[in-house]
Every structure is written in structure tokens, then in C-alpha cells.
Amino acid sequence: MAYKPKSEKERVLHRYKISLGQLRKVTAMVEGGEYCIDILSQSQAVQKALRETDNLLLANHLKTCAARSIQAGKQNKAIAEIMEIFARRS
């Protein structure tokens, strides 16, 4: 039976642990002198997994923290934080 996280936090941690395992594999490949294209392929897989986890975190932030800030009348702060994250992604 597949592992099913009980909460968003568990889901995020599970994804980070998977990414960490992938990154360790990439490190071992470099240390072992494996073919560069194979290393790059695995590195890109790690980066994609991290981006997907970032998206999960952002969605959760929008549903929880940002929504609470907006309801509390702090929409400018909430929007500024989100825009700053998008600016860094570019």
C-alpha cells in the first residue's frame, strides 16, 4: 500500500525527503564519475520535484496564511509577499 500523508505538512516533508534522496543519488553519480548527461538528467528531476513542492507550498500558503491576512485587512502585505516570491522565480 502506498504512503498517504495525513496533512499538508506531512505531504511537503515527504516530497522534500524524496528530493533529498534524489539529490544524494546525483552527488554519488558525480563522485562516481558517471556520464554527465545522466547526471544532468537526474539533476533536472530533482529541480522539477523541488519546483512541484514549491507549488504545493504556495497553494497551501494562499489557502491559509494569505487568506487570513486578507480577511484581517492586510491584503497589501499578503500580495506583496506573493509578488516577491514570483519575482524571485523568474
PDB file of N, CA and C in Angstrom:
ATOM      1  N   MET A   1       0.836  -1.173   0.000  1.00  0.00           N
ATOM      2  CA  MET A   1       0.000   0.000   0.000  1.00  0.00           C
ATOM      3  C   MET A   1       0.888   1.246   0.000  1.00  0.00           C
ATOM      4  N   ALA A   2       0.528   2.230  -0.805  1.00  0.00           N
ATOM      5  CA  ALA A   2       1.309   3.453  -0.937  1.00  0.00           C
ATOM      6  C   ALA A   2       1.122   4.343   0.289  1.00  0.00           C
ATOM      7  N   TYR A   3       2.171   5.093   0.595  1.00  0.00           N
ATOM      8  CA  TYR A   3       2.128   6.033   1.712  1.00  0.00           C
ATOM      9  C   TYR A   3       1.204   7.195   1.379  1.00  0.00           C
ATOM     10  N   LYS A   4       0.311   7.538   2.299  1.00  0.00           N
ATOM     11  CA  LYS A   4      -0.596   8.668   2.105  1.00  0.00           C
ATOM     12  C   LYS A   4      -0.407   9.643   3.256  1.00  0.00           C
ATOM     13  N   PRO A   5       0.171  10.817   2.973  1.00  0.00           N
ATOM     14  CA  PRO A   5       0.358  11.808   4.034  1.00  0.00           C
ATOM     15  C   PRO A   5      -0.979  12.242   4.622  1.00  0.00           C
ATOM     16  N   LYS A   6      -0.986  12.499   5.926  1.00  0.00           N
ATOM     17  CA  LYS A   6      -2.212  12.871   6.619  1.00  0.00           C
ATOM     18  C   LYS A   6      -2.485  14.367   6.567  1.00  0.00           C
ATOM     19  N   SER A   7      -1.456  15.167   6.341  1.00  0.00           N
ATOM     20  CA  SER A   7      -1.626  16.617   6.341  1.00  0.00           C
ATOM     21  C   SER A   7      -0.757  17.234   5.251  1.00  0.00           C
ATOM     22  N   GLU A   8      -0.990  18.508   5.000  1.00  0.00           N
ATOM     23  CA  GLU A   8      -0.159  19.229   4.019  1.00  0.00           C
ATOM     24  C   GLU A   8       1.295  19.233   4.467  1.00  0.00           C
ATOM     25  N   LYS A   9       1.528  19.419   5.756  1.00  0.00           N
ATOM     26  CA  LYS A   9       2.899  19.423   6.281  1.00  0.00           C
ATOM     27  C   LYS A   9       3.575  18.085   6.005  1.00  0.00           C
ATOM     28  N   GLU A  10       2.884  16.988   6.283  1.00  0.00           N
ATOM     29  CA  GLU A  10       3.449  15.656   6.015  1.00  0.00           C
ATOM     30  C   GLU A  10       3.709  15.472   4.524  1.00  0.00           C
ATOM     31  N   ARG A  11       2.805  15.977   3.712  1.00  0.00           N
ATOM     32  CA  ARG A  11       2.958  15.851   2.258  1.00  0.00           C
ATOM     33  C   ARG A  11       4.215  16.594   1.783  1.00  0.00           C
ATOM     34  N   VAL A  12       4.394  17.811   2.281  1.00  0.00           N
ATOM     35  CA  VAL A  12       5.563  18.610   1.908  1.00  0.00           C
ATOM     36  C   VAL A  12       6.848  17.934   2.396  1.00  0.00           C
ATOM     37  N   LEU A  13       6.851  17.503   3.657  1.00  0.00           N
ATOM     38  CA  LEU A  13       8.039  16.831   4.198  1.00  0.00           C
ATOM     39  C   LEU A  13       8.362  15.561   3.415  1.00  0.00           C
ATOM     40  N   HIS A  14       7.341  14.799   3.070  1.00  0.00           N
ATOM     41  CA  HIS A  14       7.543  13.568   2.292  1.00  0.00           C
ATOM     42  C   HIS A  14       8.200  13.890   0.946  1.00  0.00           C
ATOM     43  N   ARG A  15       7.709  14.929   0.289  1.00  0.00           N
ATOM     44  CA  ARG A  15       8.286  15.317  -1.007  1.00  0.00           C
ATOM     45  C   ARG A  15       9.730  15.783  -0.857  1.00  0.00           C
ATOM     46  N   TYR A  16      10.018  16.550   0.209  1.00  0.00           N
ATOM     47  CA  TYR A  16      11.395  17.008   0.423  1.00  0.00           C
ATOM     48  C   TYR A  16      12.330  15.828   0.702  1.00  0.00           C
ATOM     49  N   LYS A  17      11.854  14.856   1.439  1.00  0.00           N
ATOM     50  CA  LYS A  17      12.678  13.677   1.718  1.00  0.00           C
ATOM     51  C   LYS A  17      12.972  12.903   0.440  1.00  0.00           C
ATOM     52  N   ILE A  18      11.993  12.808  -0.445  1.00  0.00           N
ATOM     53  CA  ILE A  18      12.220  12.154  -1.734  1.00  0.00           C
ATOM     54  C   ILE A  18      13.252  12.935  -2.537  1.00  0.00           C
ATOM     55  N   SER A  19      13.119  14.256  -2.566  1.00  0.00           N
ATOM     56  CA  SER A  19      14.072  15.099  -3.298  1.00  0.00           C
ATOM     57  C   SER A  19      15.474  14.971  -2.722  1.00  0.00           C
ATOM     58  N   LEU A  20      15.570  14.898  -1.398  1.00  0.00           N
ATOM     59  CA  LEU A  20      16.870  14.738  -0.755  1.00  0.00           C
ATOM     60  C   LEU A  20      17.517  13.419  -1.172  1.00  0.00           C
ATOM     61  N   GLY A  21      16.723  12.360  -1.233  1.00  0.00           N
ATOM     62  CA  GLY A  21      17.256  11.078  -1.695  1.00  0.00           C
ATOM     63  C   GLY A  21      17.735  11.157  -3.132  1.00  0.00           C
ATOM     64  N   GLN A  22      16.976  11.851  -3.968  1.00  0.00           N
ATOM     65  CA  GLN A  22      17.390  12.027  -5.366  1.00  0.00           C
ATOM     66  C   GLN A  22      18.679  12.823  -5.445  1.00  0.00           C
ATOM     67  N   LEU A  23      18.791  13.860  -4.622  1.00  0.00           N
ATOM     68  CA  LEU A  23      19.996  14.692  -4.637  1.00  0.00           C
ATOM     69  C   LEU A  23      21.220  13.900  -4.173  1.00  0.00           C
ATOM     70  N   ARG A  24      21.026  13.046  -3.195  1.00  0.00           N
ATOM     71  CA  ARG A  24      22.136  12.187  -2.752  1.00  0.00           C
ATOM     72  C   ARG A  24      22.587  11.273  -3.890  1.00  0.00           C
ATOM     73  N   LYS A  25      21.635  10.801  -4.666  1.00  0.00           N
ATOM     74  CA  LYS A  25      21.964   9.959  -5.827  1.00  0.00           C
ATOM     75  C   LYS A  25      22.782  10.749  -6.836  1.00  0.00           C
ATOM     76  N   VAL A  26      22.398  12.001  -7.081  1.00  0.00           N
ATOM     77  CA  VAL A  26      23.145  12.853  -8.018  1.00  0.00           C
ATOM     78  C   VAL A  26      24.563  13.051  -7.502  1.00  0.00           C
ATOM     79  N   THR A  27      24.694  13.330  -6.210  1.00  0.00           N
ATOM     80  CA  THR A  27      26.017  13.512  -5.613  1.00  0.00           C
ATOM     81  C   THR A  27      26.869  12.260  -5.794  1.00  0.00           C
ATOM     82  N   ALA A  28      26.285  11.095  -5.556  1.00  0.00           N
ATOM     83  CA  ALA A  28      27.011   9.836  -5.729  1.00  0.00           C
ATOM     84  C   ALA A  28      27.414   9.636  -7.187  1.00  0.00           C
ATOM     85  N   MET A  29      26.554  10.055  -8.103  1.00  0.00           N
ATOM     86  CA  MET A  29      26.869   9.924  -9.528  1.00  0.00           C
ATOM     87  C   MET A  29      28.075  10.788  -9.889  1.00  0.00           C
ATOM     88  N   VAL A  30      28.114  12.001  -9.358  1.00  0.00           N
ATOM     89  CA  VAL A  30      29.249  12.894  -9.630  1.00  0.00           C
ATOM     90  C   VAL A  30      30.515  12.291  -9.033  1.00  0.00           C
ATOM     91  N   GLU A  31      30.433  11.857  -7.780  1.00  0.00           N
ATOM     92  CA  GLU A  31      31.594  11.257  -7.119  1.00  0.00           C
ATOM     93  C   GLU A  31      32.068  10.008  -7.854  1.00  0.00           C
ATOM     94  N   GLY A  32      31.141   9.275  -8.427  1.00  0.00           N
ATOM     95  CA  GLY A  32      31.482   8.050  -9.143  1.00  0.00           C
ATOM     96  C   GLY A  32      31.913   8.272 -10.584  1.00  0.00           C
ATOM     97  N   GLY A  33      31.907   9.528 -11.019  1.00  0.00           N
ATOM     98  CA  GLY A  33      32.362   9.838 -12.371  1.00  0.00           C
ATOM     99  C   GLY A  33      31.422   9.336 -13.460  1.00  0.00           C
ATOM    100  N   GLU A  34      30.132   9.317 -13.167  1.00  0.00           N
ATOM    101  CA  GLU A  34      29.171   8.831 -14.162  1.00  0.00           C
ATOM    102  C   GLU A  34      29.031   9.818 -15.316  1.00  0.00           C
ATOM    103  N   TYR A  35      28.396   9.364 -16.355  1.00  0.00           N
ATOM    104  CA  TYR A  35      28.210  10.128 -17.591  1.00  0.00           C
ATOM    105  C   TYR A  35      27.461  11.422 -17.297  1.00  0.00           C
ATOM    106  N   CYS A  36      28.012  12.544 -17.777  1.00  0.00           N
ATOM    107  CA  CYS A  36      27.481  13.879 -17.469  1.00  0.00           C
ATOM    108  C   CYS A  36      26.005  14.036 -17.829  1.00  0.00           C
ATOM    109  N   ILE A  37      25.595  13.509 -18.960  1.00  0.00           N
ATOM    110  CA  ILE A  37      24.203  13.640 -19.387  1.00  0.00           C
ATOM    111  C   ILE A  37      23.279  12.918 -18.410  1.00  0.00           C
ATOM    112  N   ASP A  38      23.720  11.776 -17.901  1.00  0.00           N
ATOM    113  CA  ASP A  38      22.924  11.052 -16.906  1.00  0.00           C
ATOM    114  C   ASP A  38      22.795  11.868 -15.620  1.00  0.00           C
ATOM    115  N   ILE A  39      23.887  12.512 -15.224  1.00  0.00           N
ATOM    116  CA  ILE A  39      23.872  13.358 -14.026  1.00  0.00           C
ATOM    117  C   ILE A  39      22.934  14.538 -14.232  1.00  0.00           C
ATOM    118  N   LEU A  40      23.041  15.187 -15.384  1.00  0.00           N
ATOM    119  CA  LEU A  40      22.168  16.326 -15.678  1.00  0.00           C
ATOM    120  C   LEU A  40      20.701  15.917 -15.676  1.00  0.00           C
ATOM    121  N   SER A  41      20.416  14.774 -16.219  1.00  0.00           N
ATOM    122  CA  SER A  41      19.042  14.287 -16.253  1.00  0.00           C
ATOM    123  C   SER A  41      18.493  14.105 -14.836  1.00  0.00           C
ATOM    124  N   GLN A  42      19.293  13.503 -13.975  1.00  0.00           N
ATOM    125  CA  GLN A  42      18.865  13.309 -12.584  1.00  0.00           C
ATOM    126  C   GLN A  42      18.768  14.638 -11.842  1.00  0.00           C
ATOM    127  N   SER A  43      19.683  15.545 -12.127  1.00  0.00           N
ATOM    128  CA  SER A  43      19.648  16.876 -11.512  1.00  0.00           C
ATOM    129  C   SER A  43      18.374  17.617 -11.900  1.00  0.00           C
ATOM    130  N   GLN A  44      17.995  17.522 -13.149  1.00  0.00           N
ATOM    131  CA  GLN A  44      16.766  18.167 -13.598  1.00  0.00           C
ATOM    132  C   GLN A  44      15.539  17.555 -12.924  1.00  0.00           C
ATOM    133  N   ALA A  45      15.579  16.266 -12.677  1.00  0.00           N
ATOM    134  CA  ALA A  45      14.470  15.609 -11.980  1.00  0.00           C
ATOM    135  C   ALA A  45      14.343  16.143 -10.551  1.00  0.00           C
ATOM    136  N   VAL A  46      15.481  16.364  -9.888  1.00  0.00           N
ATOM    137  CA  VAL A  46      15.472  16.930  -8.534  1.00  0.00           C
ATOM    138  C   VAL A  46      14.891  18.340  -8.569  1.00  0.00           C
ATOM    139  N   GLN A  47      15.334  19.132  -9.518  1.00  0.00           N
ATOM    140  CA  GLN A  47      14.855  20.509  -9.627  1.00  0.00           C
ATOM    141  C   GLN A  47      13.350  20.544  -9.889  1.00  0.00           C
ATOM    142  N   LYS A  48      12.868  19.655 -10.735  1.00  0.00           N
ATOM    143  CA  LYS A  48      11.431  19.593 -11.025  1.00  0.00           C
ATOM    144  C   LYS A  48      10.657  19.213  -9.768  1.00  0.00           C
ATOM    145  N   ALA A  49      11.162  18.250  -9.028  1.00  0.00           N
ATOM    146  CA  ALA A  49      10.492  17.830  -7.796  1.00  0.00           C
ATOM    147  C   ALA A  49      10.434  18.979  -6.793  1.00  0.00           C
ATOM    148  N   LEU A  50      11.514  19.751  -6.694  1.00  0.00           N
ATOM    149  CA  LEU A  50      11.530  20.894  -5.781  1.00  0.00           C
ATOM    150  C   LEU A  50      10.551  21.975  -6.235  1.00  0.00           C
ATOM    151  N   ARG A  51      10.483  22.221  -7.544  1.00  0.00           N
ATOM    152  CA  ARG A  51       9.514  23.211  -8.060  1.00  0.00           C
ATOM    153  C   ARG A  51       8.084  22.782  -7.744  1.00  0.00           C
ATOM    154  N   GLU A  52       7.807  21.500  -7.907  1.00  0.00           N
ATOM    155  CA  GLU A  52       6.467  20.997  -7.615  1.00  0.00           C
ATOM    156  C   GLU A  52       6.139  21.142  -6.126  1.00  0.00           C
ATOM    157  N   THR A  53       7.123  20.919  -5.277  1.00  0.00           N
ATOM    158  CA  THR A  53       6.917  21.100  -3.844  1.00  0.00           C
ATOM    159  C   THR A  53       6.707  22.576  -3.525  1.00  0.00           C
ATOM    160  N   ASP A  54       7.462  23.452  -4.193  1.00  0.00           N
ATOM    161  CA  ASP A  54       7.245  24.896  -4.033  1.00  0.00           C
ATOM    162  C   ASP A  54       5.813  25.270  -4.400  1.00  0.00           C
ATOM    163  N   ASN A  55       5.308  24.705  -5.474  1.00  0.00           N
ATOM    164  CA  ASN A  55       3.937  24.989  -5.900  1.00  0.00           C
ATOM    165  C   ASN A  55       2.928  24.527  -4.850  1.00  0.00           C
ATOM    166  N   LEU A  56       3.178  23.376  -4.267  1.00  0.00           N
ATOM    167  CA  LEU A  56       2.316  22.858  -3.201  1.00  0.00           C
ATOM    168  C   LEU A  56       2.330  23.793  -2.000  1.00  0.00           C
ATOM    169  N   LEU A  57       3.528  24.239  -1.619  1.00  0.00           N
ATOM    170  CA  LEU A  57       3.652  25.177  -0.501  1.00  0.00           C
ATOM    171  C   LEU A  57       2.946  26.492  -0.796  1.00  0.00           C
ATOM    172  N   LEU A  58       3.099  26.994  -2.005  1.00  0.00           N
ATOM    173  CA  LEU A  58       2.467  28.253  -2.378  1.00  0.00           C
ATOM    174  C   LEU A  58       0.948  28.114  -2.344  1.00  0.00           C
ATOM    175  N   ALA A  59       0.416  27.034  -2.879  1.00  0.00           N
ATOM    176  CA  ALA A  59      -1.032  26.820  -2.865  1.00  0.00           C
ATOM    177  C   ALA A  59      -1.548  26.768  -1.430  1.00  0.00           C
ATOM    178  N   ASN A  60      -0.827  26.068  -0.566  1.00  0.00           N
ATOM    179  CA  ASN A  60      -1.225  25.989   0.833  1.00  0.00           C
ATOM    180  C   ASN A  60      -1.159  27.368   1.492  1.00  0.00           C
ATOM    181  N   HIS A  61      -0.125  28.135   1.172  1.00  0.00           N
ATOM    182  CA  HIS A  61       0.010  29.491   1.724  1.00  0.00           C
ATOM    183  C   HIS A  61      -1.170  30.367   1.303  1.00  0.00           C
ATOM    184  N   LEU A  62      -1.540  30.269   0.041  1.00  0.00           N
ATOM    185  CA  LEU A  62      -2.659  31.079  -0.448  1.00  0.00           C
ATOM    186  C   LEU A  62      -3.962  30.711   0.259  1.00  0.00           C
ATOM    187  N   LYS A  63      -4.164  29.412   0.480  1.00  0.00           N
ATOM    188  CA  LYS A  63      -5.405  28.951   1.114  1.00  0.00           C
ATOM    189  C   LYS A  63      -5.467  29.289   2.601  1.00  0.00           C
ATOM    190  N   THR A  64      -4.315  29.404   3.237  1.00  0.00           N
ATOM    191  CA  THR A  64      -4.297  29.585   4.693  1.00  0.00           C
ATOM    192  C   THR A  64      -3.787  30.971   5.085  1.00  0.00           C
ATOM    193  N   CYS A  65      -2.501  31.148   5.067  1.00  0.00           N
ATOM    194  CA  CYS A  65      -1.879  32.383   5.566  1.00  0.00           C
ATOM    195  C   CYS A  65      -2.338  33.628   4.804  1.00  0.00           C
ATOM    196  N   ALA A  66      -2.293  33.570   3.493  1.00  0.00           N
ATOM    197  CA  ALA A  66      -2.680  34.737   2.691  1.00  0.00           C
ATOM    198  C   ALA A  66      -4.164  35.035   2.874  1.00  0.00           C
ATOM    199  N   ALA A  67      -4.979  34.001   2.906  1.00  0.00           N
ATOM    200  CA  ALA A  67      -6.419  34.208   3.092  1.00  0.00           C
ATOM    201  C   ALA A  67      -6.692  34.874   4.442  1.00  0.00           C
ATOM    202  N   ARG A  68      -5.995  34.417   5.491  1.00  0.00           N
ATOM    203  CA  ARG A  68      -6.171  35.036   6.821  1.00  0.00           C
ATOM    204  C   ARG A  68      -5.729  36.493   6.809  1.00  0.00           C
ATOM    205  N   SER A  69      -4.604  36.781   6.149  1.00  0.00           N
ATOM    206  CA  SER A  69      -4.126  38.166   6.074  1.00  0.00           C
ATOM    207  C   SER A  69      -5.130  39.062   5.366  1.00  0.00           C
ATOM    208  N   ILE A  70      -5.687  38.573   4.281  1.00  0.00           N
ATOM    209  CA  ILE A  70      -6.669  39.345   3.518  1.00  0.00           C
ATOM    210  C   ILE A  70      -7.917  39.593   4.370  1.00  0.00           C
ATOM    211  N   GLN A  71      -8.377  38.555   5.059  1.00  0.00           N
ATOM    212  CA  GLN A  71      -9.554  38.697   5.921  1.00  0.00           C
ATOM    213  C   GLN A  71      -9.298  39.675   7.071  1.00  0.00           C
ATOM    214  N   ALA A  72      -8.032  39.774   7.489  1.00  0.00           N
ATOM    215  CA  ALA A  72      -7.669  40.681   8.580  1.00  0.00           C
ATOM    216  C   ALA A  72      -7.385  42.094   8.068  1.00  0.00           C
ATOM    217  N   GLY A  73      -7.591  42.326   6.774  1.00  0.00           N
ATOM    218  CA  GLY A  73      -7.372  43.650   6.208  1.00  0.00           C
ATOM    219  C   GLY A  73      -5.932  43.948   5.832  1.00  0.00           C
ATOM    220  N   LYS A  74      -5.100  42.917   5.782  1.00  0.00           N
ATOM    221  CA  LYS A  74      -3.678  43.097   5.441  1.00  0.00           C
ATOM    222  C   LYS A  74      -3.397  42.593   4.028  1.00  0.00           C
ATOM    223  N   GLN A  75      -4.300  42.898   3.091  1.00  0.00           N
ATOM    224  CA  GLN A  75      -4.164  42.381   1.730  1.00  0.00           C
ATOM    225  C   GLN A  75      -2.922  42.906   1.030  1.00  0.00           C
ATOM    226  N   ASN A  76      -2.530  44.142   1.281  1.00  0.00           N
ATOM    227  CA  ASN A  76      -1.346  44.692   0.618  1.00  0.00           C
ATOM    228  C   ASN A  76      -0.087  43.915   1.005  1.00  0.00           C
ATOM    229  N   LYS A  77       0.030  43.570   2.285  1.00  0.00           N
ATOM    230  CA  LYS A  77       1.180  42.790   2.746  1.00  0.00           C
ATOM    231  C   LYS A  77       1.162  41.391   2.119  1.00  0.00           C
ATOM    232  N   ALA A  78      -0.007  40.752   2.114  1.00  0.00           N
ATOM    233  CA  ALA A  78      -0.129  39.408   1.555  1.00  0.00           C
ATOM    234  C   ALA A  78       0.231  39.401   0.074  1.00  0.00           C
ATOM    235  N   ILE A  79      -0.273  40.370  -0.656  1.00  0.00           N
ATOM    236  CA  ILE A  79       0.005  40.455  -2.098  1.00  0.00           C
ATOM    237  C   ILE A  79       1.480  40.742  -2.337  1.00  0.00           C
ATOM    238  N   ALA A  80       2.071  41.629  -1.547  1.00  0.00           N
ATOM    239  CA  ALA A  80       3.494  41.968  -1.706  1.00  0.00           C
ATOM    240  C   ALA A  80       4.378  40.740  -1.491  1.00  0.00           C
ATOM    241  N   GLU A  81       4.058  39.942  -0.474  1.00  0.00           N
ATOM    242  CA  GLU A  81       4.843  38.723  -0.217  1.00  0.00           C
ATOM    243  C   GLU A  81       4.776  37.762  -1.402  1.00  0.00           C
ATOM    244  N   ILE A  82       3.575  37.570  -1.910  1.00  0.00           N
ATOM    245  CA  ILE A  82       3.390  36.641  -3.025  1.00  0.00           C
ATOM    246  C   ILE A  82       4.098  37.153  -4.276  1.00  0.00           C
ATOM    247  N   MET A  83       3.978  38.434  -4.546  1.00  0.00           N
ATOM    248  CA  MET A  83       4.632  39.010  -5.723  1.00  0.00           C
ATOM    249  C   MET A  83       6.150  38.904  -5.615  1.00  0.00           C
ATOM    250  N   GLU A  84       6.683  39.049  -4.396  1.00  0.00           N
ATOM    251  CA  GLU A  84       8.122  38.927  -4.195  1.00  0.00           C
ATOM    252  C   GLU A  84       8.596  37.508  -4.527  1.00  0.00           C
ATOM    253  N   ILE A  85       7.806  36.520  -4.128  1.00  0.00           N
ATOM    254  CA  ILE A  85       8.150  35.128  -4.455  1.00  0.00           C
ATOM    255  C   ILE A  85       8.139  34.910  -5.962  1.00  0.00           C
ATOM    256  N   PHE A  86       7.123  35.429  -6.640  1.00  0.00           N
ATOM    257  CA  PHE A  86       7.072  35.278  -8.097  1.00  0.00           C
ATOM    258  C   PHE A  86       8.225  35.992  -8.780  1.00  0.00           C
ATOM    259  N   ALA A  87       8.633  37.143  -8.260  1.00  0.00           N
ATOM    260  CA  ALA A  87       9.757  37.886  -8.841  1.00  0.00           C
ATOM    261  C   ALA A  87      11.050  37.068  -8.715  1.00  0.00           C
ATOM    262  N   ARG A  88      11.218  36.373  -7.609  1.00  0.00           N
ATOM    263  CA  ARG A  88      12.430  35.551  -7.405  1.00  0.00           C
ATOM    264  C   ARG A  88      12.435  34.323  -8.297  1.00  0.00           C
ATOM    265  N   ARG A  89      11.270  33.827  -8.668  1.00  0.00           N
ATOM    266  CA  ARG A  89      11.178  32.628  -9.512  1.00  0.00           C
ATOM    267  C   ARG A  89      11.646  32.888 -10.933  1.00  0.00           C
ATOM    268  N   SER A  90      11.575  34.112 -11.367  1.00  0.00           N
ATOM    269  CA  SER A  90      11.898  34.435 -12.764  1.00  0.00           C
ATOM    270  C   SER A  90      13.373  34.387 -13.045  1.00  0.00           C
TER     271      SER A  90
END
